[in-house]
């Protein structure tokens, strides 16, 4: 990482060129082509369902049981 405060004129010009270039949607970054980046978390909905059922059972148990 560059921690210098000031840049030379050439460095500043190169930085401005890279910032002004529009994003290239036809050629995505390599991360998007990796299978791990495209997979959704398959087990998350089961965890949420289990937590909701557990919370409902605890609530029902505390309301019904005197």
C-alpha atoms as a PDB file:
ATOM      1  CA  UNK A   1       0.000   0.000   0.000  1.00  0.00           C
ATOM      2  CA  UNK A   2       1.264   3.428  -0.927  1.00  0.00           C
ATOM      3  CA  UNK A   3       1.330   5.682   2.122  1.00  0.00           C
ATOM      4  CA  UNK A   4       2.888   8.739   0.495  1.00  0.00           C
ATOM      5  CA  UNK A   5       0.945  11.961   0.853  1.00  0.00           C
ATOM      6  CA  UNK A   6       1.649  13.536  -2.529  1.00  0.00           C
ATOM      7  CA  UNK A   7       1.930  12.057  -6.004  1.00  0.00           C
ATOM      8  CA  UNK A   8       3.994  13.173  -8.924  1.00  0.00           C
ATOM      9  CA  UNK A   9       2.169  14.698 -11.863  1.00  0.00           C
ATOM     10  CA  UNK A  10       2.576  11.491 -13.870  1.00  0.00           C
ATOM     11  CA  UNK A  11       1.171   9.358 -11.038  1.00  0.00           C
ATOM     12  CA  UNK A  12      -1.757  11.732 -10.637  1.00  0.00           C
ATOM     13  CA  UNK A  13      -2.460  11.571 -14.391  1.00  0.00           C
ATOM     14  CA  UNK A  14      -2.418   7.751 -14.358  1.00  0.00           C
ATOM     15  CA  UNK A  15      -4.717   7.690 -11.361  1.00  0.00           C
ATOM     16  CA  UNK A  16      -7.224  10.014 -13.028  1.00  0.00           C
ATOM     17  CA  UNK A  17      -7.146   7.891 -16.202  1.00  0.00           C
ATOM     18  CA  UNK A  18      -7.930   4.726 -14.255  1.00  0.00           C
ATOM     19  CA  UNK A  19     -10.724   6.391 -12.272  1.00  0.00           C
ATOM     20  CA  UNK A  20     -12.399   7.926 -15.315  1.00  0.00           C
ATOM     21  CA  UNK A  21     -12.563   4.703 -17.322  1.00  0.00           C
ATOM     22  CA  UNK A  22     -16.078   3.225 -17.341  1.00  0.00           C
ATOM     23  CA  UNK A  23     -16.612  -0.210 -15.853  1.00  0.00           C
ATOM     24  CA  UNK A  24     -16.239  -3.066 -18.332  1.00  0.00           C
ATOM     25  CA  UNK A  25     -19.348  -5.253 -17.966  1.00  0.00           C
ATOM     26  CA  UNK A  26     -18.505  -7.520 -20.922  1.00  0.00           C
ATOM     27  CA  UNK A  27     -15.316  -8.755 -19.259  1.00  0.00           C
ATOM     28  CA  UNK A  28     -16.091  -9.255 -15.558  1.00  0.00           C
ATOM     29  CA  UNK A  29     -13.436  -9.493 -12.924  1.00  0.00           C
ATOM     30  CA  UNK A  30     -12.031 -12.974 -12.282  1.00  0.00           C
ATOM     31  CA  UNK A  31     -13.906 -13.280  -8.972  1.00  0.00           C
ATOM     32  CA  UNK A  32     -17.263 -13.490 -10.719  1.00  0.00           C
ATOM     33  CA  UNK A  33     -16.205 -16.490 -12.793  1.00  0.00           C
ATOM     34  CA  UNK A  34     -15.276 -18.567  -9.750  1.00  0.00           C
ATOM     35  CA  UNK A  35     -17.993 -21.009  -8.667  1.00  0.00           C
ATOM     36  CA  UNK A  36     -17.673 -19.986  -5.012  1.00  0.00           C
ATOM     37  CA  UNK A  37     -18.614 -16.412  -5.867  1.00  0.00           C
ATOM     38  CA  UNK A  38     -21.818 -17.468  -7.639  1.00  0.00           C
ATOM     39  CA  UNK A  39     -23.106 -20.022  -5.131  1.00  0.00           C
ATOM     40  CA  UNK A  40     -25.780 -18.994  -2.694  1.00  0.00           C
ATOM     41  CA  UNK A  41     -25.688 -20.277   0.880  1.00  0.00           C
ATOM     42  CA  UNK A  42     -27.944 -23.350   0.579  1.00  0.00           C
ATOM     43  CA  UNK A  43     -28.309 -24.193   4.272  1.00  0.00           C
ATOM     44  CA  UNK A  44     -29.168 -20.722   5.535  1.00  0.00           C
ATOM     45  CA  UNK A  45     -32.929 -21.057   5.099  1.00  0.00           C
ATOM     46  CA  UNK A  46     -32.970 -24.244   7.197  1.00  0.00           C
ATOM     47  CA  UNK A  47     -31.138 -22.494  10.011  1.00  0.00           C
ATOM     48  CA  UNK A  48     -33.600 -19.592   9.899  1.00  0.00           C
ATOM     49  CA  UNK A  49     -36.561 -21.971   9.855  1.00  0.00           C
ATOM     50  CA  UNK A  50     -35.172 -23.905  12.822  1.00  0.00           C
ATOM     51  CA  UNK A  51     -34.560 -20.717  14.784  1.00  0.00           C
ATOM     52  CA  UNK A  52     -38.090 -19.480  14.076  1.00  0.00           C
ATOM     53  CA  UNK A  53     -39.599 -22.809  15.160  1.00  0.00           C
ATOM     54  CA  UNK A  54     -37.509 -22.844  18.324  1.00  0.00           C
ATOM     55  CA  UNK A  55     -38.499 -19.277  19.170  1.00  0.00           C
ATOM     56  CA  UNK A  56     -42.156 -20.115  18.543  1.00  0.00           C
ATOM     57  CA  UNK A  57     -41.966 -23.223  20.736  1.00  0.00           C
ATOM     58  CA  UNK A  58     -40.345 -21.279  23.579  1.00  0.00           C
ATOM     59  CA  UNK A  59     -42.948 -18.519  23.308  1.00  0.00           C
ATOM     60  CA  UNK A  60     -45.803 -21.017  23.233  1.00  0.00           C
ATOM     61  CA  UNK A  61     -44.337 -22.943  26.174  1.00  0.00           C
ATOM     62  CA  UNK A  62     -43.977 -19.791  28.299  1.00  0.00           C
ATOM     63  CA  UNK A  63     -47.501 -18.555  27.517  1.00  0.00           C
ATOM     64  CA  UNK A  64     -49.310 -21.868  28.037  1.00  0.00           C
ATOM     65  CA  UNK A  65     -47.373 -23.221  30.996  1.00  0.00           C
ATOM     66  CA  UNK A  66     -48.374 -21.291  34.176  1.00  0.00           C
END
